[in-house]
Amino acid sequence: MRVYCGKDYEEASRIAANLIAAQVIMKPDCVLGLATGSTPIGTYQVLVEKYKSGELDFSKVHSINLDEYRGLSPENDQSYRYFMNDNLFNHVNIKPENTNVPDGLEKDAEAACKKYDAVIEQSGGIDLQLLGLGHNGHIGFNEPADAFAKSTNCVKLTQSTIDANARFFANADEVPKEAYTMGIGTIMQAKTVLVLVTGSGKRDIVKKCFLGDVTPQVPASILQFHPNFILVGDADALGDNFNAFL
């Protein structure tokens, strides 16, 4: 495990963006696993800046997103396809046909999951997977469970996750209760996994995930076993835990 600590959100975001940029520069046709939510927005902003300054070329990059709400169309401004277009894809030269997000409108959950697993397999594998970290330790939408999910699956979101996402919707009743998400087994197959975590509210779960026991009740804890795992956080999130990683 490698750990980088930025003094604040902006510095942590820039560190994460620099690591992703290095991947693109080293392998222009790389496959990036991408995440949504409020945490990676700053990272995407830095990547857009680097593209506009001529430092990065996304023309050969392929992307595979972690998840999508079940029941939301790509045009819905709360869908993760919309989020990615708005925060990254529309501002760089990545080809739309090279970007992949689960089909939230596919009503047949089994079909949707099999289709996305096939997309991932056909990509040749993910070179770098970016992850956020839920307050309950979820990665993607893989919630605490009795076993680690291996492949793409349809999950019922926990109340804590629904509550955390409610701020993006007009009211809590509008928050989807299910989502399609890449499985933890697939995440673990990525060549590099990069977790970005910020804010004092994540300090306890960071300690539980990366300094505690490995258990499916704390999904991100499995990353302790990944051979090339990078944790990037700000001082608020890592806090006193940072010295324990050294």
C-alpha atoms as a PDB file:
ATOM      1  CA  MET A   1       0.000   0.000   0.000  1.00  0.00           C
ATOM      2  CA  ARG A   2       1.200   3.475  -0.886  1.00  0.00           C
ATOM      3  CA  VAL A   3      -0.277   6.436   0.987  1.00  0.00           C
ATOM      4  CA  TYR A   4      -0.243  10.097  -0.020  1.00  0.00           C
ATOM      5  CA  CYS A   5      -1.585  12.826   2.256  1.00  0.00           C
ATOM      6  CA  GLY A   6      -2.498  16.265   0.936  1.00  0.00           C
ATOM      7  CA  LYS A   7      -3.018  19.165   3.269  1.00  0.00           C
ATOM      8  CA  ASP A   8      -6.576  19.732   2.008  1.00  0.00           C
ATOM      9  CA  TYR A   9      -9.141  18.581  -0.551  1.00  0.00           C
ATOM     10  CA  GLU A  10      -7.540  20.545  -3.397  1.00  0.00           C
ATOM     11  CA  GLU A  11      -4.083  19.092  -2.827  1.00  0.00           C
ATOM     12  CA  ALA A  12      -5.411  15.546  -2.437  1.00  0.00           C
ATOM     13  CA  SER A  13      -7.401  15.967  -5.657  1.00  0.00           C
ATOM     14  CA  ARG A  14      -4.294  17.128  -7.494  1.00  0.00           C
ATOM     15  CA  ILE A  15      -2.265  14.174  -6.214  1.00  0.00           C
ATOM     16  CA  ALA A  16      -4.929  11.755  -7.465  1.00  0.00           C
ATOM     17  CA  ALA A  17      -5.131  13.560 -10.814  1.00  0.00           C
ATOM     18  CA  ASN A  18      -1.352  13.394 -11.210  1.00  0.00           C
ATOM     19  CA  LEU A  19      -1.396   9.642 -10.647  1.00  0.00           C
ATOM     20  CA  ILE A  20      -4.160   9.171 -13.229  1.00  0.00           C
ATOM     21  CA  ALA A  21      -2.376  11.486 -15.658  1.00  0.00           C
ATOM     22  CA  ALA A  22       0.819   9.443 -15.297  1.00  0.00           C
ATOM     23  CA  GLN A  23      -1.152   6.323 -16.230  1.00  0.00           C
ATOM     24  CA  VAL A  24      -2.510   8.000 -19.379  1.00  0.00           C
ATOM     25  CA  ILE A  25       0.925   9.294 -20.367  1.00  0.00           C
ATOM     26  CA  MET A  26       2.612   5.914 -19.816  1.00  0.00           C
ATOM     27  CA  LYS A  27      -0.118   4.014 -21.656  1.00  0.00           C
ATOM     28  CA  PRO A  28      -2.160   6.276 -23.976  1.00  0.00           C
ATOM     29  CA  ASP A  29      -4.644   3.483 -24.747  1.00  0.00           C
ATOM     30  CA  CYS A  30      -5.170   2.573 -21.097  1.00  0.00           C
ATOM     31  CA  VAL A  31      -8.459   1.533 -19.517  1.00  0.00           C
ATOM     32  CA  LEU A  32      -9.485   3.790 -16.654  1.00  0.00           C
ATOM     33  CA  GLY A  33     -12.034   2.660 -14.084  1.00  0.00           C
ATOM     34  CA  LEU A  34     -13.860   5.799 -12.966  1.00  0.00           C
ATOM     35  CA  ALA A  35     -15.976   6.786  -9.987  1.00  0.00           C
ATOM     36  CA  THR A  36     -18.683   9.343  -9.302  1.00  0.00           C
ATOM     37  CA  GLY A  37     -19.884  11.294  -6.280  1.00  0.00           C
ATOM     38  CA  SER A  38     -18.636  14.557  -4.838  1.00  0.00           C
ATOM     39  CA  THR A  39     -15.128  13.354  -3.914  1.00  0.00           C
ATOM     40  CA  PRO A  40     -13.612  12.925  -7.418  1.00  0.00           C
ATOM     41  CA  ILE A  41     -14.975  16.193  -8.859  1.00  0.00           C
ATOM     42  CA  GLY A  42     -11.786  18.085  -7.975  1.00  0.00           C
ATOM     43  CA  THR A  43      -9.677  15.339  -9.541  1.00  0.00           C
ATOM     44  CA  TYR A  44     -11.670  15.535 -12.772  1.00  0.00           C
ATOM     45  CA  GLN A  45     -11.285  19.308 -12.804  1.00  0.00           C
ATOM     46  CA  VAL A  46      -7.500  18.944 -12.643  1.00  0.00           C
ATOM     47  CA  LEU A  47      -7.543  16.350 -15.450  1.00  0.00           C
ATOM     48  CA  VAL A  48      -9.584  18.745 -17.610  1.00  0.00           C
ATOM     49  CA  GLU A  49      -7.046  21.490 -16.885  1.00  0.00           C
ATOM     50  CA  LYS A  50      -4.218  19.204 -17.941  1.00  0.00           C
ATOM     51  CA  TYR A  51      -6.019  18.316 -21.165  1.00  0.00           C
ATOM     52  CA  LYS A  52      -6.700  21.961 -22.022  1.00  0.00           C
ATOM     53  CA  SER A  53      -3.058  22.856 -21.390  1.00  0.00           C
ATOM     54  CA  GLY A  54      -1.930  20.124 -23.773  1.00  0.00           C
ATOM     55  CA  GLU A  55      -0.489  17.837 -21.116  1.00  0.00           C
ATOM     56  CA  LEU A  56      -2.957  14.989 -21.669  1.00  0.00           C
ATOM     57  CA  ASP A  57      -4.525  13.250 -24.648  1.00  0.00           C
ATOM     58  CA  PHE A  58      -7.579  11.083 -23.998  1.00  0.00           C
ATOM     59  CA  SER A  59      -8.204  10.124 -27.621  1.00  0.00           C
ATOM     60  CA  LYS A  60      -7.149   6.500 -27.122  1.00  0.00           C
ATOM     61  CA  VAL A  61      -8.329   6.081 -23.532  1.00  0.00           C
ATOM     62  CA  HIS A  62     -11.210   3.767 -22.675  1.00  0.00           C
ATOM     63  CA  SER A  63     -13.218   4.248 -19.501  1.00  0.00           C
ATOM     64  CA  ILE A  64     -15.377   1.897 -17.465  1.00  0.00           C
ATOM     65  CA  ASN A  65     -17.479   3.385 -14.715  1.00  0.00           C
ATOM     66  CA  LEU A  66     -18.167   1.629 -11.451  1.00  0.00           C
ATOM     67  CA  ASP A  67     -21.911   1.938 -11.256  1.00  0.00           C
ATOM     68  CA  GLU A  68     -25.248   3.458 -12.211  1.00  0.00           C
ATOM     69  CA  TYR A  69     -28.576   3.913 -10.496  1.00  0.00           C
ATOM     70  CA  ARG A  70     -31.154   1.403 -11.645  1.00  0.00           C
ATOM     71  CA  GLY A  71     -34.045   3.166 -13.338  1.00  0.00           C
ATOM     72  CA  LEU A  72     -32.308   6.406 -14.348  1.00  0.00           C
ATOM     73  CA  SER A  73     -31.770   7.360 -17.983  1.00  0.00           C
ATOM     74  CA  PRO A  74     -28.473   8.845 -19.210  1.00  0.00           C
ATOM     75  CA  GLU A  75     -30.287  12.158 -19.670  1.00  0.00           C
ATOM     76  CA  ASN A  76     -31.389  12.320 -16.035  1.00  0.00           C
ATOM     77  CA  ASP A  77     -29.192  14.907 -14.339  1.00  0.00           C
ATOM     78  CA  GLN A  78     -28.724  12.596 -11.346  1.00  0.00           C
ATOM     79  CA  SER A  79     -27.563   9.633 -13.407  1.00  0.00           C
ATOM     80  CA  TYR A  80     -23.900   8.747 -13.328  1.00  0.00           C
ATOM     81  CA  ARG A  81     -23.650   8.891 -17.117  1.00  0.00           C
ATOM     82  CA  TYR A  82     -24.809  12.513 -16.920  1.00  0.00           C
ATOM     83  CA  PHE A  83     -22.338  13.157 -14.091  1.00  0.00           C
ATOM     84  CA  MET A  84     -19.411  11.814 -16.099  1.00  0.00           C
ATOM     85  CA  ASN A  85     -20.370  13.771 -19.208  1.00  0.00           C
ATOM     86  CA  ASP A  86     -20.758  16.946 -17.179  1.00  0.00           C
ATOM     87  CA  ASN A  87     -17.600  16.629 -15.104  1.00  0.00           C
ATOM     88  CA  LEU A  88     -15.134  15.000 -17.511  1.00  0.00           C
ATOM     89  CA  PHE A  89     -16.160  13.466 -20.830  1.00  0.00           C
ATOM     90  CA  ASN A  90     -17.602  16.607 -22.419  1.00  0.00           C
ATOM     91  CA  HIS A  91     -14.449  18.577 -21.594  1.00  0.00           C
ATOM     92  CA  VAL A  92     -11.733  16.287 -22.953  1.00  0.00           C
ATOM     93  CA  ASN A  93     -11.173  14.447 -26.233  1.00  0.00           C
ATOM     94  CA  ILE A  94     -12.212  10.985 -25.079  1.00  0.00           C
ATOM     95  CA  LYS A  95     -14.365   9.278 -27.704  1.00  0.00           C
ATOM     96  CA  PRO A  96     -17.963   8.741 -26.520  1.00  0.00           C
ATOM     97  CA  GLU A  97     -17.916   5.195 -27.873  1.00  0.00           C
ATOM     98  CA  ASN A  98     -14.924   4.468 -25.624  1.00  0.00           C
ATOM     99  CA  THR A  99     -16.825   5.365 -22.438  1.00  0.00           C
ATOM    100  CA  ASN A 100     -18.881   2.786 -20.558  1.00  0.00           C
ATOM    101  CA  VAL A 101     -21.467   3.134 -17.800  1.00  0.00           C
ATOM    102  CA  PRO A 102     -23.971   0.429 -16.770  1.00  0.00           C
ATOM    103  CA  ASP A 103     -27.365   0.683 -18.450  1.00  0.00           C
ATOM    104  CA  GLY A 104     -29.658   1.967 -15.739  1.00  0.00           C
ATOM    105  CA  LEU A 105     -32.732   1.482 -17.934  1.00  0.00           C
ATOM    106  CA  GLU A 106     -32.188  -2.256 -18.402  1.00  0.00           C
ATOM    107  CA  LYS A 107     -35.024  -3.773 -16.382  1.00  0.00           C
ATOM    108  CA  ASP A 108     -33.607  -7.292 -16.494  1.00  0.00           C
ATOM    109  CA  ALA A 109     -30.998  -7.152 -13.739  1.00  0.00           C
ATOM    110  CA  GLU A 110     -29.290 -10.386 -14.745  1.00  0.00           C
ATOM    111  CA  ALA A 111     -29.014  -9.249 -18.362  1.00  0.00           C
ATOM    112  CA  ALA A 112     -27.664  -5.846 -17.349  1.00  0.00           C
ATOM    113  CA  CYS A 113     -24.984  -7.380 -15.146  1.00  0.00           C
ATOM    114  CA  LYS A 114     -23.885  -9.965 -17.719  1.00  0.00           C
ATOM    115  CA  LYS A 115     -23.702  -7.285 -20.401  1.00  0.00           C
ATOM    116  CA  TYR A 116     -21.458  -5.088 -18.268  1.00  0.00           C
ATOM    117  CA  ASP A 117     -19.192  -7.966 -17.284  1.00  0.00           C
ATOM    118  CA  ALA A 118     -18.753  -8.671 -21.002  1.00  0.00           C
ATOM    119  CA  VAL A 119     -17.797  -5.027 -21.597  1.00  0.00           C
ATOM    120  CA  ILE A 120     -15.153  -5.235 -18.885  1.00  0.00           C
ATOM    121  CA  GLU A 121     -13.787  -8.522 -20.209  1.00  0.00           C
ATOM    122  CA  GLN A 122     -13.621  -7.220 -23.778  1.00  0.00           C
ATOM    123  CA  SER A 123     -11.687  -4.161 -22.595  1.00  0.00           C
ATOM    124  CA  GLY A 124      -8.759  -6.370 -21.654  1.00  0.00           C
ATOM    125  CA  GLY A 125      -8.878  -5.353 -18.014  1.00  0.00           C
ATOM    126  CA  ILE A 126      -8.715  -2.123 -16.040  1.00  0.00           C
ATOM    127  CA  ASP A 127      -5.306  -0.476 -15.733  1.00  0.00           C
ATOM    128  CA  LEU A 128      -6.222   1.964 -12.965  1.00  0.00           C
ATOM    129  CA  GLN A 129      -9.425   1.944 -10.941  1.00  0.00           C
ATOM    130  CA  LEU A 130     -10.407   5.134  -9.105  1.00  0.00           C
ATOM    131  CA  LEU A 131     -12.600   4.653  -6.031  1.00  0.00           C
ATOM    132  CA  GLY A 132     -14.270   6.771  -3.411  1.00  0.00           C
ATOM    133  CA  LEU A 133     -15.118   5.390   0.015  1.00  0.00           C
ATOM    134  CA  GLY A 134     -18.570   5.230   1.568  1.00  0.00           C
ATOM    135  CA  HIS A 135     -19.184   6.007   5.219  1.00  0.00           C
ATOM    136  CA  ASN A 136     -19.951   2.314   5.766  1.00  0.00           C
ATOM    137  CA  GLY A 137     -16.911   1.176   3.793  1.00  0.00           C
ATOM    138  CA  HIS A 138     -18.693   0.525   0.515  1.00  0.00           C
ATOM    139  CA  ILE A 139     -16.789   0.779  -2.760  1.00  0.00           C
ATOM    140  CA  GLY A 140     -18.829   1.259  -5.880  1.00  0.00           C
ATOM    141  CA  PHE A 141     -22.231   0.326  -4.508  1.00  0.00           C
ATOM    142  CA  ASN A 142     -20.960  -2.871  -2.905  1.00  0.00           C
ATOM    143  CA  GLU A 143     -22.569  -2.581   0.513  1.00  0.00           C
ATOM    144  CA  PRO A 144     -21.630  -4.487   3.694  1.00  0.00           C
ATOM    145  CA  ALA A 145     -22.623  -8.124   3.163  1.00  0.00           C
ATOM    146  CA  ASP A 146     -21.908 -11.701   4.173  1.00  0.00           C
ATOM    147  CA  ALA A 147     -19.579 -12.218   1.194  1.00  0.00           C
ATOM    148  CA  PHE A 148     -17.606 -10.140  -1.301  1.00  0.00           C
ATOM    149  CA  ALA A 149     -19.474  -9.768  -4.611  1.00  0.00           C
ATOM    150  CA  LYS A 150     -17.319 -11.107  -7.442  1.00  0.00           C
ATOM    151  CA  SER A 151     -18.893  -9.558 -10.542  1.00  0.00           C
ATOM    152  CA  THR A 152     -21.352  -6.878 -11.616  1.00  0.00           C
ATOM    153  CA  ASN A 153     -24.464  -7.094  -9.485  1.00  0.00           C
ATOM    154  CA  CYS A 154     -27.709  -5.318  -8.718  1.00  0.00           C
ATOM    155  CA  VAL A 155     -27.736  -4.099  -5.141  1.00  0.00           C
ATOM    156  CA  LYS A 156     -30.349  -2.731  -2.800  1.00  0.00           C
ATOM    157  CA  LEU A 157     -28.819   0.376  -1.296  1.00  0.00           C
ATOM    158  CA  THR A 158     -28.587   0.633   2.473  1.00  0.00           C
ATOM    159  CA  GLN A 159     -30.429   3.435   4.229  1.00  0.00           C
ATOM    160  CA  SER A 160     -27.111   5.106   5.121  1.00  0.00           C
ATOM    161  CA  THR A 161     -26.135   5.227   1.449  1.00  0.00           C
ATOM    162  CA  ILE A 162     -29.566   6.518   0.434  1.00  0.00           C
ATOM    163  CA  ASP A 163     -29.326   9.203   3.115  1.00  0.00           C
ATOM    164  CA  ALA A 164     -25.817  10.181   1.975  1.00  0.00           C
ATOM    165  CA  ASN A 165     -26.991  10.568  -1.637  1.00  0.00           C
ATOM    166  CA  ALA A 166     -30.223  12.373  -0.789  1.00  0.00           C
ATOM    167  CA  ARG A 167     -28.460  15.757  -0.948  1.00  0.00           C
ATOM    168  CA  PHE A 168     -28.225  15.379  -4.727  1.00  0.00           C
ATOM    169  CA  PHE A 169     -31.985  14.947  -5.142  1.00  0.00           C
ATOM    170  CA  ALA A 170     -34.984  17.209  -4.512  1.00  0.00           C
ATOM    171  CA  ASN A 171     -36.039  14.941  -1.664  1.00  0.00           C
ATOM    172  CA  ALA A 172     -35.126  11.553  -0.194  1.00  0.00           C
ATOM    173  CA  ASP A 173     -38.064   9.827  -1.881  1.00  0.00           C
ATOM    174  CA  GLU A 174     -36.469  10.475  -5.289  1.00  0.00           C
ATOM    175  CA  VAL A 175     -33.238   8.659  -4.474  1.00  0.00           C
ATOM    176  CA  PRO A 176     -33.138   5.303  -6.320  1.00  0.00           C
ATOM    177  CA  LYS A 177     -33.154   2.322  -4.006  1.00  0.00           C
ATOM    178  CA  GLU A 178     -31.145   0.023  -6.298  1.00  0.00           C
ATOM    179  CA  ALA A 179     -28.053   0.285  -8.464  1.00  0.00           C
ATOM    180  CA  TYR A 180     -25.919  -1.756 -10.828  1.00  0.00           C
ATOM    181  CA  THR A 181     -22.336  -1.922  -9.626  1.00  0.00           C
ATOM    182  CA  MET A 182     -19.054  -3.475 -10.627  1.00  0.00           C
ATOM    183  CA  GLY A 183     -18.216  -6.364  -8.307  1.00  0.00           C
ATOM    184  CA  ILE A 184     -15.398  -6.348  -5.784  1.00  0.00           C
ATOM    185  CA  GLY A 185     -13.804  -9.304  -7.549  1.00  0.00           C
ATOM    186  CA  THR A 186     -13.570  -7.196 -10.713  1.00  0.00           C
ATOM    187  CA  ILE A 187     -12.209  -4.210  -8.795  1.00  0.00           C
ATOM    188  CA  MET A 188      -9.505  -6.422  -7.306  1.00  0.00           C
ATOM    189  CA  GLN A 189      -8.440  -7.491 -10.806  1.00  0.00           C
ATOM    190  CA  ALA A 190      -7.508  -3.912 -11.762  1.00  0.00           C
ATOM    191  CA  LYS A 191      -3.753  -3.504 -12.108  1.00  0.00           C
ATOM    192  CA  THR A 192      -3.801  -0.453  -9.821  1.00  0.00           C
ATOM    193  CA  VAL A 193      -6.494   0.659  -7.393  1.00  0.00           C
ATOM    194  CA  LEU A 194      -6.575   4.277  -6.235  1.00  0.00           C
ATOM    195  CA  VAL A 195      -8.855   5.285  -3.362  1.00  0.00           C
ATOM    196  CA  LEU A 196      -9.440   9.002  -2.826  1.00  0.00           C
ATOM    197  CA  VAL A 197     -10.900   9.956   0.550  1.00  0.00           C
ATOM    198  CA  THR A 198     -11.367  13.416   2.043  1.00  0.00           C
ATOM    199  CA  GLY A 199     -12.970  15.077   5.023  1.00  0.00           C
ATOM    200  CA  SER A 200     -12.965  14.384   8.749  1.00  0.00           C
ATOM    201  CA  GLY A 201     -16.204  12.417   8.410  1.00  0.00           C
ATOM    202  CA  LYS A 202     -14.246   9.618   6.730  1.00  0.00           C
ATOM    203  CA  ARG A 203     -11.475   9.333   9.328  1.00  0.00           C
ATOM    204  CA  ASP A 204     -13.041   6.492  11.313  1.00  0.00           C
ATOM    205  CA  ILE A 205     -13.932   4.395   8.268  1.00  0.00           C
ATOM    206  CA  VAL A 206     -10.438   4.867   6.814  1.00  0.00           C
ATOM    207  CA  LYS A 207      -9.010   3.341   9.981  1.00  0.00           C
ATOM    208  CA  LYS A 208     -11.561   0.534   9.961  1.00  0.00           C
ATOM    209  CA  CYS A 209     -10.986  -0.290   6.273  1.00  0.00           C
ATOM    210  CA  PHE A 210      -7.237  -0.129   6.034  1.00  0.00           C
ATOM    211  CA  LEU A 211      -5.965  -0.762   9.559  1.00  0.00           C
ATOM    212  CA  GLY A 212      -8.641  -3.201  10.711  1.00  0.00           C
ATOM    213  CA  ASP A 213      -9.770  -6.720   9.889  1.00  0.00           C
ATOM    214  CA  VAL A 214     -10.582  -7.776   6.333  1.00  0.00           C
ATOM    215  CA  THR A 215     -14.279  -8.603   6.221  1.00  0.00           C
ATOM    216  CA  PRO A 216     -17.171  -8.288   3.726  1.00  0.00           C
ATOM    217  CA  GLN A 217     -18.952  -6.287   6.410  1.00  0.00           C
ATOM    218  CA  VAL A 218     -16.398  -3.573   5.572  1.00  0.00           C
ATOM    219  CA  PRO A 219     -16.153  -4.013   1.793  1.00  0.00           C
ATOM    220  CA  ALA A 220     -13.138  -1.760   1.167  1.00  0.00           C
ATOM    221  CA  SER A 221     -11.057  -3.729   3.664  1.00  0.00           C
ATOM    222  CA  ILE A 222     -10.339  -6.281   0.915  1.00  0.00           C
ATOM    223  CA  LEU A 223      -8.085  -3.685  -0.717  1.00  0.00           C
ATOM    224  CA  GLN A 224      -5.488  -4.452   1.950  1.00  0.00           C
ATOM    225  CA  PHE A 225      -4.745  -7.538  -0.169  1.00  0.00           C
ATOM    226  CA  HIS A 226      -4.381  -5.676  -3.483  1.00  0.00           C
ATOM    227  CA  PRO A 227      -0.763  -5.754  -4.730  1.00  0.00           C
ATOM    228  CA  ASN A 228      -0.816  -2.186  -6.055  1.00  0.00           C
ATOM    229  CA  PHE A 229      -3.186  -0.229  -3.844  1.00  0.00           C
ATOM    230  CA  ILE A 230      -2.797   3.547  -3.460  1.00  0.00           C
ATOM    231  CA  LEU A 231      -4.595   5.561  -0.789  1.00  0.00           C
ATOM    232  CA  VAL A 232      -4.799   9.315  -1.323  1.00  0.00           C
ATOM    233  CA  GLY A 233      -6.398  11.481   1.344  1.00  0.00           C
ATOM    234  CA  ASP A 234      -6.377  14.886   2.894  1.00  0.00           C
ATOM    235  CA  ALA A 235      -5.209  15.608   6.431  1.00  0.00           C
ATOM    236  CA  ASP A 236      -8.777  15.605   7.721  1.00  0.00           C
ATOM    237  CA  ALA A 237      -9.485  12.094   6.428  1.00  0.00           C
ATOM    238  CA  LEU A 238      -6.148  10.486   7.264  1.00  0.00           C
ATOM    239  CA  GLY A 239      -5.476  12.371  10.479  1.00  0.00           C
ATOM    240  CA  ASP A 240      -3.473  10.422  13.025  1.00  0.00           C
ATOM    241  CA  ASN A 241      -3.984   7.313  10.930  1.00  0.00           C
ATOM    242  CA  PHE A 242      -1.381   8.547   8.427  1.00  0.00           C
ATOM    243  CA  ASN A 243       1.551   7.702  10.699  1.00  0.00           C
ATOM    244  CA  ALA A 244       0.200   4.178  11.144  1.00  0.00           C
ATOM    245  CA  PHE A 245       0.597   3.579   7.396  1.00  0.00           C
ATOM    246  CA  LEU A 246       4.273   4.605   7.397  1.00  0.00           C
END
